[in-house]
PDB file of N, CA and C in Angstrom:
ATOM      1  N   MET A   1       7.559  19.852 -20.307  1.00  0.00           N
ATOM      2  CA  MET A   1       8.408  20.654 -21.084  1.00  0.00           C
ATOM      3  C   MET A   1       8.967  21.846 -20.235  1.00  0.00           C
ATOM      4  N   ASP A   2      10.200  22.228 -20.572  1.00  0.00           N
ATOM      5  CA  ASP A   2      10.861  23.335 -19.891  1.00  0.00           C
ATOM      6  C   ASP A   2      10.478  24.610 -20.663  1.00  0.00           C
ATOM      7  N   GLU A   3      11.101  25.752 -20.198  1.00  0.00           N
ATOM      8  CA  GLU A   3      10.731  27.021 -20.738  1.00  0.00           C
ATOM      9  C   GLU A   3      11.067  27.132 -22.250  1.00  0.00           C
ATOM     10  N   SER A   4      12.123  26.417 -22.772  1.00  0.00           N
ATOM     11  CA  SER A   4      12.495  26.511 -24.140  1.00  0.00           C
ATOM     12  C   SER A   4      11.601  25.574 -25.004  1.00  0.00           C
ATOM     13  N   GLY A   5      10.686  24.888 -24.353  1.00  0.00           N
ATOM     14  CA  GLY A   5       9.816  24.002 -25.244  1.00  0.00           C
ATOM     15  C   GLY A   5      10.332  22.596 -25.419  1.00  0.00           C
ATOM     16  N   THR A   6      11.398  22.231 -24.777  1.00  0.00           N
ATOM     17  CA  THR A   6      11.975  20.920 -24.862  1.00  0.00           C
ATOM     18  C   THR A   6      11.412  20.055 -23.606  1.00  0.00           C
ATOM     19  N   GLN A   7      11.471  18.743 -23.927  1.00  0.00           N
ATOM     20  CA  GLN A   7      11.013  17.878 -22.793  1.00  0.00           C
ATOM     21  C   GLN A   7      12.137  17.672 -21.933  1.00  0.00           C
ATOM     22  N   GLU A   8      11.838  17.765 -20.579  1.00  0.00           N
ATOM     23  CA  GLU A   8      12.940  17.592 -19.590  1.00  0.00           C
ATOM     24  C   GLU A   8      12.919  16.235 -18.835  1.00  0.00           C
ATOM     25  N   SER A   9      12.069  15.340 -19.306  1.00  0.00           N
ATOM     26  CA  SER A   9      11.959  14.054 -18.679  1.00  0.00           C
ATOM     27  C   SER A   9      13.211  13.214 -18.949  1.00  0.00           C
ATOM     28  N   ILE A  10      13.948  13.481 -19.871  1.00  0.00           N
ATOM     29  CA  ILE A  10      15.228  12.699 -20.087  1.00  0.00           C
ATOM     30  C   ILE A  10      16.244  13.723 -20.288  1.00  0.00           C
ATOM     31  N   ARG A  11      17.259  13.796 -19.398  1.00  0.00           N
ATOM     32  CA  ARG A  11      18.400  14.618 -19.472  1.00  0.00           C
ATOM     33  C   ARG A  11      19.481  13.888 -20.249  1.00  0.00           C
ATOM     34  N   PRO A  12      20.419  14.705 -20.712  1.00  0.00           N
ATOM     35  CA  PRO A  12      21.505  14.042 -21.536  1.00  0.00           C
ATOM     36  C   PRO A  12      22.270  12.983 -20.831  1.00  0.00           C
ATOM     37  N   ASP A  13      22.358  12.982 -19.525  1.00  0.00           N
ATOM     38  CA  ASP A  13      23.079  11.975 -18.840  1.00  0.00           C
ATOM     39  C   ASP A  13      22.201  10.691 -18.703  1.00  0.00           C
ATOM     40  N   GLY A  14      21.000  10.658 -19.137  1.00  0.00           N
ATOM     41  CA  GLY A  14      20.276   9.457 -19.209  1.00  0.00           C
ATOM     42  C   GLY A  14      19.268   9.399 -18.038  1.00  0.00           C
ATOM     43  N   GLU A  15      19.439  10.252 -17.105  1.00  0.00           N
ATOM     44  CA  GLU A  15      18.522  10.208 -15.934  1.00  0.00           C
ATOM     45  C   GLU A  15      17.383  11.209 -16.166  1.00  0.00           C
ATOM     46  N   GLY A  16      16.160  10.789 -15.832  1.00  0.00           N
ATOM     47  CA  GLY A  16      15.054  11.624 -16.003  1.00  0.00           C
ATOM     48  C   GLY A  16      14.412  11.784 -14.682  1.00  0.00           C
ATOM     49  N   ILE A  17      13.301  12.566 -14.657  1.00  0.00           N
ATOM     50  CA  ILE A  17      12.527  12.786 -13.395  1.00  0.00           C
ATOM     51  C   ILE A  17      12.083  11.428 -12.824  1.00  0.00           C
ATOM     52  N   LEU A  18      11.589  10.613 -13.674  1.00  0.00           N
ATOM     53  CA  LEU A  18      11.123   9.291 -13.204  1.00  0.00           C
ATOM     54  C   LEU A  18      12.208   8.547 -12.508  1.00  0.00           C
ATOM     55  N   ASP A  19      13.471   8.575 -13.031  1.00  0.00           N
ATOM     56  CA  ASP A  19      14.558   7.939 -12.372  1.00  0.00           C
ATOM     57  C   ASP A  19      14.755   8.542 -10.985  1.00  0.00           C
ATOM     58  N   GLU A  20      14.599   9.848 -10.889  1.00  0.00           N
ATOM     59  CA  GLU A  20      14.838  10.524  -9.585  1.00  0.00           C
ATOM     60  C   GLU A  20      13.785  10.185  -8.589  1.00  0.00           C
ATOM     61  N   VAL A  21      12.475   9.970  -9.133  1.00  0.00           N
ATOM     62  CA  VAL A  21      11.467   9.551  -8.171  1.00  0.00           C
ATOM     63  C   VAL A  21      11.705   8.146  -7.619  1.00  0.00           C
ATOM     64  N   TRP A  22      12.116   7.229  -8.678  1.00  0.00           N
ATOM     65  CA  TRP A  22      12.224   5.767  -8.189  1.00  0.00           C
ATOM     66  C   TRP A  22      13.493   5.763  -7.344  1.00  0.00           C
ATOM     67  N   GLY A  23      14.544   6.580  -7.602  1.00  0.00           N
ATOM     68  CA  GLY A  23      15.722   6.515  -6.737  1.00  0.00           C
ATOM     69  C   GLY A  23      15.362   6.995  -5.411  1.00  0.00           C
ATOM     70  N   MET A  24      14.453   8.029  -5.219  1.00  0.00           N
ATOM     71  CA  MET A  24      14.130   8.483  -3.934  1.00  0.00           C
ATOM     72  C   MET A  24      13.353   7.477  -3.200  1.00  0.00           C
ATOM     73  N   ALA A  25      12.503   6.780  -3.851  1.00  0.00           N
ATOM     74  CA  ALA A  25      11.686   5.785  -3.186  1.00  0.00           C
ATOM     75  C   ALA A  25      12.527   4.542  -2.763  1.00  0.00           C
ATOM     76  N   GLU A  26      13.570   4.252  -3.520  1.00  0.00           N
ATOM     77  CA  GLU A  26      14.436   3.120  -3.122  1.00  0.00           C
ATOM     78  C   GLU A  26      15.260   3.507  -1.903  1.00  0.00           C
ATOM     79  N   LYS A  27      15.765   4.786  -1.950  1.00  0.00           N
ATOM     80  CA  LYS A  27      16.529   5.209  -0.873  1.00  0.00           C
ATOM     81  C   LYS A  27      15.728   5.377   0.420  1.00  0.00           C
ATOM     82  N   ALA A  28      14.473   5.755   0.236  1.00  0.00           N
ATOM     83  CA  ALA A  28      13.615   5.875   1.439  1.00  0.00           C
ATOM     84  C   ALA A  28      13.381   4.433   1.991  1.00  0.00           C
ATOM     85  N   ARG A  29      13.213   3.532   1.145  1.00  0.00           N
ATOM     86  CA  ARG A  29      12.956   2.140   1.567  1.00  0.00           C
ATOM     87  C   ARG A  29      14.259   1.636   2.311  1.00  0.00           C
ATOM     88  N   ARG A  30      15.484   1.975   1.803  1.00  0.00           N
ATOM     89  CA  ARG A  30      16.673   1.558   2.515  1.00  0.00           C
ATOM     90  C   ARG A  30      16.729   2.225   3.907  1.00  0.00           C
ATOM     91  N   VAL A  31      16.371   3.518   3.980  1.00  0.00           N
ATOM     92  CA  VAL A  31      16.457   4.219   5.203  1.00  0.00           C
ATOM     93  C   VAL A  31      15.463   3.725   6.232  1.00  0.00           C
ATOM     94  N   ILE A  32      14.269   3.400   5.751  1.00  0.00           N
ATOM     95  CA  ILE A  32      13.277   2.879   6.812  1.00  0.00           C
ATOM     96  C   ILE A  32      13.646   1.521   7.267  1.00  0.00           C
ATOM     97  N   GLN A  33      14.275   0.695   6.386  1.00  0.00           N
ATOM     98  CA  GLN A  33      14.700  -0.640   6.752  1.00  0.00           C
ATOM     99  C   GLN A  33      15.937  -0.461   7.661  1.00  0.00           C
ATOM    100  N   ALA A  34      16.784   0.418   7.487  1.00  0.00           N
ATOM    101  CA  ALA A  34      18.063   0.543   8.234  1.00  0.00           C
ATOM    102  C   ALA A  34      17.555   0.999   9.655  1.00  0.00           C
ATOM    103  N   ALA A  35      16.662   2.043   9.688  1.00  0.00           N
ATOM    104  CA  ALA A  35      16.167   2.430  10.993  1.00  0.00           C
ATOM    105  C   ALA A  35      15.534   1.363  11.778  1.00  0.00           C
ATOM    106  N   ALA A  36      14.773   0.473  11.102  1.00  0.00           N
ATOM    107  CA  ALA A  36      14.118  -0.631  11.749  1.00  0.00           C
ATOM    108  C   ALA A  36      15.089  -1.584  12.384  1.00  0.00           C
ATOM    109  N   VAL A  37      16.134  -1.813  11.706  1.00  0.00           N
ATOM    110  CA  VAL A  37      17.122  -2.686  12.142  1.00  0.00           C
ATOM    111  C   VAL A  37      17.842  -2.005  13.478  1.00  0.00           C
ATOM    112  N   GLU A  38      18.177  -0.713  13.351  1.00  0.00           N
ATOM    113  CA  GLU A  38      18.769  -0.001  14.486  1.00  0.00           C
ATOM    114  C   GLU A  38      17.802   0.006  15.619  1.00  0.00           C
ATOM    115  N   ALA A  39      16.567  -0.039  15.352  1.00  0.00           N
ATOM    116  CA  ALA A  39      15.507  -0.011  16.418  1.00  0.00           C
ATOM    117  C   ALA A  39      15.205  -1.347  16.935  1.00  0.00           C
ATOM    118  N   TYR A  40      15.876  -2.370  16.407  1.00  0.00           N
ATOM    119  CA  TYR A  40      15.599  -3.749  16.744  1.00  0.00           C
ATOM    120  C   TYR A  40      14.194  -4.134  16.463  1.00  0.00           C
ATOM    121  N   GLY A  41      13.577  -3.504  15.410  1.00  0.00           N
ATOM    122  CA  GLY A  41      12.230  -3.886  15.078  1.00  0.00           C
ATOM    123  C   GLY A  41      11.140  -3.418  15.995  1.00  0.00           C
ATOM    124  N   ARG A  42      11.446  -2.525  16.860  1.00  0.00           N
ATOM    125  CA  ARG A  42      10.574  -2.074  17.937  1.00  0.00           C
ATOM    126  C   ARG A  42      10.106  -0.553  17.679  1.00  0.00           C
ATOM    127  N   PRO A  43       8.939  -0.276  17.560  1.00  0.00           N
ATOM    128  CA  PRO A  43       8.372   1.093  17.464  1.00  0.00           C
ATOM    129  C   PRO A  43       8.800   1.901  18.681  1.00  0.00           C
ATOM    130  N   GLY A  44       9.022   3.166  18.588  1.00  0.00           N
ATOM    131  CA  GLY A  44       9.228   3.974  19.747  1.00  0.00           C
ATOM    132  C   GLY A  44      10.752   4.017  20.199  1.00  0.00           C
ATOM    133  N   MET A  45      11.539   3.202  19.595  1.00  0.00           N
ATOM    134  CA  MET A  45      13.009   3.188  19.976  1.00  0.00           C
ATOM    135  C   MET A  45      13.763   4.330  19.252  1.00  0.00           C
ATOM    136  N   TYR A  46      14.524   5.111  19.955  1.00  0.00           N
ATOM    137  CA  TYR A  46      15.236   6.235  19.287  1.00  0.00           C
ATOM    138  C   TYR A  46      16.425   5.602  18.465  1.00  0.00           C
ATOM    139  N   VAL A  47      16.526   6.105  17.330  1.00  0.00           N
ATOM    140  CA  VAL A  47      17.708   5.848  16.344  1.00  0.00           C
ATOM    141  C   VAL A  47      18.527   7.086  16.087  1.00  0.00           C
ATOM    142  N   ILE A  48      19.759   6.884  15.754  1.00  0.00           N
ATOM    143  CA  ILE A  48      20.618   7.983  15.478  1.00  0.00           C
ATOM    144  C   ILE A  48      20.996   8.134  14.008  1.00  0.00           C
ATOM    145  N   MET A  49      20.815   9.351  13.404  1.00  0.00           N
ATOM    146  CA  MET A  49      21.054   9.514  12.016  1.00  0.00           C
ATOM    147  C   MET A  49      22.279   8.935  11.468  1.00  0.00           C
ATOM    148  N   ALA A  50      23.430   9.165  12.115  1.00  0.00           N
ATOM    149  CA  ALA A  50      24.666   8.621  11.551  1.00  0.00           C
ATOM    150  C   ALA A  50      24.682   7.076  11.416  1.00  0.00           C
ATOM    151  N   GLN A  51      24.100   6.345  12.368  1.00  0.00           N
ATOM    152  CA  GLN A  51      24.140   4.842  12.256  1.00  0.00           C
ATOM    153  C   GLN A  51      23.160   4.432  11.191  1.00  0.00           C
ATOM    154  N   VAL A  52      22.036   5.155  11.113  1.00  0.00           N
ATOM    155  CA  VAL A  52      21.019   4.818  10.003  1.00  0.00           C
ATOM    156  C   VAL A  52      21.621   5.089   8.589  1.00  0.00           C
ATOM    157  N   MET A  53      22.327   6.240   8.547  1.00  0.00           N
ATOM    158  CA  MET A  53      22.960   6.652   7.272  1.00  0.00           C
ATOM    159  C   MET A  53      23.980   5.620   6.871  1.00  0.00           C
ATOM    160  N   GLN A  54      24.759   5.134   7.706  1.00  0.00           N
ATOM    161  CA  GLN A  54      25.781   4.154   7.468  1.00  0.00           C
ATOM    162  C   GLN A  54      25.131   2.862   7.044  1.00  0.00           C
ATOM    163  N   ARG A  55      24.144   2.372   7.748  1.00  0.00           N
ATOM    164  CA  ARG A  55      23.506   1.159   7.427  1.00  0.00           C
ATOM    165  C   ARG A  55      22.851   1.234   5.998  1.00  0.00           C
ATOM    166  N   ALA A  56      22.269   2.370   5.712  1.00  0.00           N
ATOM    167  CA  ALA A  56      21.489   2.583   4.455  1.00  0.00           C
ATOM    168  C   ALA A  56      22.424   2.981   3.317  1.00  0.00           C
ATOM    169  N   ASN A  57      23.706   3.121   3.617  1.00  0.00           N
ATOM    170  CA  ASN A  57      24.725   3.448   2.646  1.00  0.00           C
ATOM    171  C   ASN A  57      24.375   4.840   1.917  1.00  0.00           C
ATOM    172  N   ILE A  58      24.033   5.877   2.723  1.00  0.00           N
ATOM    173  CA  ILE A  58      23.791   7.220   2.304  1.00  0.00           C
ATOM    174  C   ILE A  58      24.874   8.090   2.947  1.00  0.00           C
ATOM    175  N   SER A  59      25.636   8.813   2.201  1.00  0.00           N
ATOM    176  CA  SER A  59      26.631   9.600   2.688  1.00  0.00           C
ATOM    177  C   SER A  59      26.327  11.096   2.758  1.00  0.00           C
ATOM    178  N   ASP A  60      25.410  11.581   2.188  1.00  0.00           N
ATOM    179  CA  ASP A  60      25.026  13.007   2.185  1.00  0.00           C
ATOM    180  C   ASP A  60      23.988  13.350   3.209  1.00  0.00           C
ATOM    181  N   PRO A  61      24.363  14.076   4.206  1.00  0.00           N
ATOM    182  CA  PRO A  61      23.390  14.297   5.303  1.00  0.00           C
ATOM    183  C   PRO A  61      22.087  15.203   4.822  1.00  0.00           C
ATOM    184  N   GLU A  62      22.264  15.963   3.780  1.00  0.00           N
ATOM    185  CA  GLU A  62      21.074  16.806   3.242  1.00  0.00           C
ATOM    186  C   GLU A  62      20.159  15.842   2.543  1.00  0.00           C
ATOM    187  N   GLU A  63      20.709  14.878   1.834  1.00  0.00           N
ATOM    188  CA  GLU A  63      19.883  13.862   1.121  1.00  0.00           C
ATOM    189  C   GLU A  63      19.040  13.106   2.164  1.00  0.00           C
ATOM    190  N   PHE A  64      19.872  12.720   3.221  1.00  0.00           N
ATOM    191  CA  PHE A  64      19.162  11.955   4.381  1.00  0.00           C
ATOM    192  C   PHE A  64      18.060  12.579   4.995  1.00  0.00           C
ATOM    193  N   ARG A  65      18.290  14.078   5.230  1.00  0.00           N
ATOM    194  CA  ARG A  65      17.283  14.858   5.787  1.00  0.00           C
ATOM    195  C   ARG A  65      15.971  14.946   4.952  1.00  0.00           C
ATOM    196  N   ALA A  66      16.244  15.046   3.622  1.00  0.00           N
ATOM    197  CA  ALA A  66      15.065  15.167   2.750  1.00  0.00           C
ATOM    198  C   ALA A  66      14.287  13.716   2.754  1.00  0.00           C
ATOM    199  N   ILE A  67      15.042  12.746   2.841  1.00  0.00           N
ATOM    200  CA  ILE A  67      14.396  11.344   2.915  1.00  0.00           C
ATOM    201  C   ILE A  67      13.574  11.244   4.235  1.00  0.00           C
ATOM    202  N   ALA A  68      14.343  11.664   5.318  1.00  0.00           N
ATOM    203  CA  ALA A  68      13.578  11.642   6.635  1.00  0.00           C
ATOM    204  C   ALA A  68      12.373  12.432   6.763  1.00  0.00           C
ATOM    205  N   ALA A  69      12.387  13.618   6.098  1.00  0.00           N
ATOM    206  CA  ALA A  69      11.222  14.503   5.970  1.00  0.00           C
ATOM    207  C   ALA A  69      10.051  13.780   5.288  1.00  0.00           C
ATOM    208  N   TYR A  70      10.464  13.139   4.222  1.00  0.00           N
ATOM    209  CA  TYR A  70       9.447  12.333   3.452  1.00  0.00           C
ATOM    210  C   TYR A  70       8.907  11.223   4.315  1.00  0.00           C
ATOM    211  N   LEU A  71       9.734  10.568   5.011  1.00  0.00           N
ATOM    212  CA  LEU A  71       9.229   9.431   5.916  1.00  0.00           C
ATOM    213  C   LEU A  71       8.391   9.984   7.012  1.00  0.00           C
ATOM    214  N   GLU A  72       8.679  11.187   7.501  1.00  0.00           N
ATOM    215  CA  GLU A  72       7.922  11.779   8.555  1.00  0.00           C
ATOM    216  C   GLU A  72       6.512  12.211   8.068  1.00  0.00           C
ATOM    217  N   GLU A  73       6.457  12.657   6.878  1.00  0.00           N
ATOM    218  CA  GLU A  73       5.184  13.048   6.285  1.00  0.00           C
ATOM    219  C   GLU A  73       4.336  11.918   6.049  1.00  0.00           C
ATOM    220  N   ARG A  74       4.923  10.754   5.798  1.00  0.00           N
ATOM    221  CA  ARG A  74       4.205   9.522   5.597  1.00  0.00           C
ATOM    222  C   ARG A  74       3.680   8.925   6.896  1.00  0.00           C
ATOM    223  N   GLY A  75       4.220   9.465   8.080  1.00  0.00           N
ATOM    224  CA  GLY A  75       3.833   8.949   9.382  1.00  0.00           C
ATOM    225  C   GLY A  75       4.669   7.679   9.853  1.00  0.00           C
ATOM    226  N   TRP A  76       5.777   7.516   9.187  1.00  0.00           N
ATOM    227  CA  TRP A  76       6.580   6.282   9.395  1.00  0.00           C
ATOM    228  C   TRP A  76       7.665   6.564  10.446  1.00  0.00           C
ATOM    229  N   ILE A  77       8.037   7.905  10.668  1.00  0.00           N
ATOM    230  CA  ILE A  77       8.962   8.253  11.727  1.00  0.00           C
ATOM    231  C   ILE A  77       8.368   9.342  12.460  1.00  0.00           C
ATOM    232  N   ALA A  78       8.771   9.656  13.686  1.00  0.00           N
ATOM    233  CA  ALA A  78       8.172  10.680  14.590  1.00  0.00           C
ATOM    234  C   ALA A  78       9.184  11.084  15.648  1.00  0.00           C
ATOM    235  N   GLU A  79       8.854  12.157  16.417  1.00  0.00           N
ATOM    236  CA  GLU A  79       9.757  12.638  17.529  1.00  0.00           C
ATOM    237  C   GLU A  79      11.082  12.906  16.982  1.00  0.00           C
ATOM    238  N   ALA A  80      11.137  13.456  15.782  1.00  0.00           N
ATOM    239  CA  ALA A  80      12.536  13.733  15.184  1.00  0.00           C
ATOM    240  C   ALA A  80      13.011  15.132  15.738  1.00  0.00           C
ATOM    241  N   ASP A  81      14.249  15.254  15.987  1.00  0.00           N
ATOM    242  CA  ASP A  81      14.758  16.641  16.249  1.00  0.00           C
ATOM    243  C   ASP A  81      14.825  17.398  14.919  1.00  0.00           C
ATOM    244  N   PRO A  82      15.054  18.639  14.940  1.00  0.00           N
ATOM    245  CA  PRO A  82      14.985  19.538  13.790  1.00  0.00           C
ATOM    246  C   PRO A  82      15.806  19.022  12.603  1.00  0.00           C
ATOM    247  N   ASP A  83      16.971  18.511  12.808  1.00  0.00           N
ATOM    248  CA  ASP A  83      17.823  18.065  11.769  1.00  0.00           C
ATOM    249  C   ASP A  83      17.834  16.513  11.514  1.00  0.00           C
ATOM    250  N   TYR A  84      16.830  15.830  12.135  1.00  0.00           N
ATOM    251  CA  TYR A  84      16.711  14.385  12.041  1.00  0.00           C
ATOM    252  C   TYR A  84      17.951  13.570  12.628  1.00  0.00           C
ATOM    253  N   GLY A  85      18.568  14.248  13.542  1.00  0.00           N
ATOM    254  CA  GLY A  85      19.637  13.533  14.220  1.00  0.00           C
ATOM    255  C   GLY A  85      19.321  12.423  15.045  1.00  0.00           C
ATOM    256  N   VAL A  86      18.173  12.416  15.612  1.00  0.00           N
ATOM    257  CA  VAL A  86      17.513  11.348  16.312  1.00  0.00           C
ATOM    258  C   VAL A  86      16.093  11.317  15.947  1.00  0.00           C
ATOM    259  N   PHE A  87      15.437  10.127  15.911  1.00  0.00           N
ATOM    260  CA  PHE A  87      14.031  10.002  15.702  1.00  0.00           C
ATOM    261  C   PHE A  87      13.693   8.554  16.038  1.00  0.00           C
ATOM    262  N   VAL A  88      12.313   8.392  16.031  1.00  0.00           N
ATOM    263  CA  VAL A  88      11.784   7.033  16.407  1.00  0.00           C
ATOM    264  C   VAL A  88      10.958   6.540  15.205  1.00  0.00           C
ATOM    265  N   LEU A  89      10.807   5.257  15.121  1.00  0.00           N
ATOM    266  CA  LEU A  89       9.984   4.675  14.041  1.00  0.00           C
ATOM    267  C   LEU A  89       8.558   4.518  14.700  1.00  0.00           C
ATOM    268  N   THR A  90       7.607   4.754  13.966  1.00  0.00           N
ATOM    269  CA  THR A  90       6.155   4.470  14.362  1.00  0.00           C
ATOM    270  C   THR A  90       5.807   2.980  14.116  1.00  0.00           C
ATOM    271  N   PRO A  91       4.731   2.458  14.655  1.00  0.00           N
ATOM    272  CA  PRO A  91       4.378   1.255  14.340  1.00  0.00           C
ATOM    273  C   PRO A  91       4.158   0.991  12.803  1.00  0.00           C
ATOM    274  N   GLU A  92       3.650   2.112  12.132  1.00  0.00           N
ATOM    275  CA  GLU A  92       3.441   2.046  10.769  1.00  0.00           C
ATOM    276  C   GLU A  92       4.840   1.958   9.965  1.00  0.00           C
ATOM    277  N   GLY A  93       5.734   2.624  10.481  1.00  0.00           N
ATOM    278  CA  GLY A  93       7.052   2.605  10.010  1.00  0.00           C
ATOM    279  C   GLY A  93       7.797   1.202  10.049  1.00  0.00           C
ATOM    280  N   ILE A  94       7.554   0.619  11.142  1.00  0.00           N
ATOM    281  CA  ILE A  94       7.972  -0.817  11.374  1.00  0.00           C
ATOM    282  C   ILE A  94       7.344  -1.661  10.388  1.00  0.00           C
ATOM    283  N   ASP A  95       5.929  -1.519  10.257  1.00  0.00           N
ATOM    284  CA  ASP A  95       5.253  -2.309   9.181  1.00  0.00           C
ATOM    285  C   ASP A  95       5.709  -2.185   7.885  1.00  0.00           C
ATOM    286  N   GLU A  96       6.043  -0.860   7.475  1.00  0.00           N
ATOM    287  CA  GLU A  96       6.458  -0.590   6.103  1.00  0.00           C
ATOM    288  C   GLU A  96       7.924  -1.215   5.880  1.00  0.00           C
ATOM    289  N   ALA A  97       8.709  -1.198   6.893  1.00  0.00           N
ATOM    290  CA  ALA A  97      10.052  -1.747   6.749  1.00  0.00           C
ATOM    291  C   ALA A  97      10.069  -3.179   6.633  1.00  0.00           C
ATOM    292  N   THR A  98       9.101  -3.811   7.270  1.00  0.00           N
ATOM    293  CA  THR A  98       9.157  -5.304   7.221  1.00  0.00           C
ATOM    294  C   THR A  98       8.317  -5.938   6.125  1.00  0.00           C
ATOM    295  N   ASN A  99       7.484  -5.085   5.355  1.00  0.00           N
ATOM    296  CA  ASN A  99       6.687  -5.669   4.344  1.00  0.00           C
ATOM    297  C   ASN A  99       7.295  -5.465   2.995  1.00  0.00           C
TER     298      ASN A  99
END
């Protein structure tokens, strides 16, 4: 419930918090898979944000950075520069992308 006592799980546009969570998970999956393709399925290969964004069909750099931070927290990407312009996939990231 929000401050006015109404539930905020469903907004008037039909999207709720659950939709946002599932949307983020789906986008994260697309990003990790796109990065794996760019890395030719090899862990430790550097990939470039612009190419991964294009392959994952994500146009907002801020959204991409949020997803990349999530992937880094999970241990699926590493060695990222501060704005995730370049990064590598970990062996676990490759496993996640291919399963």
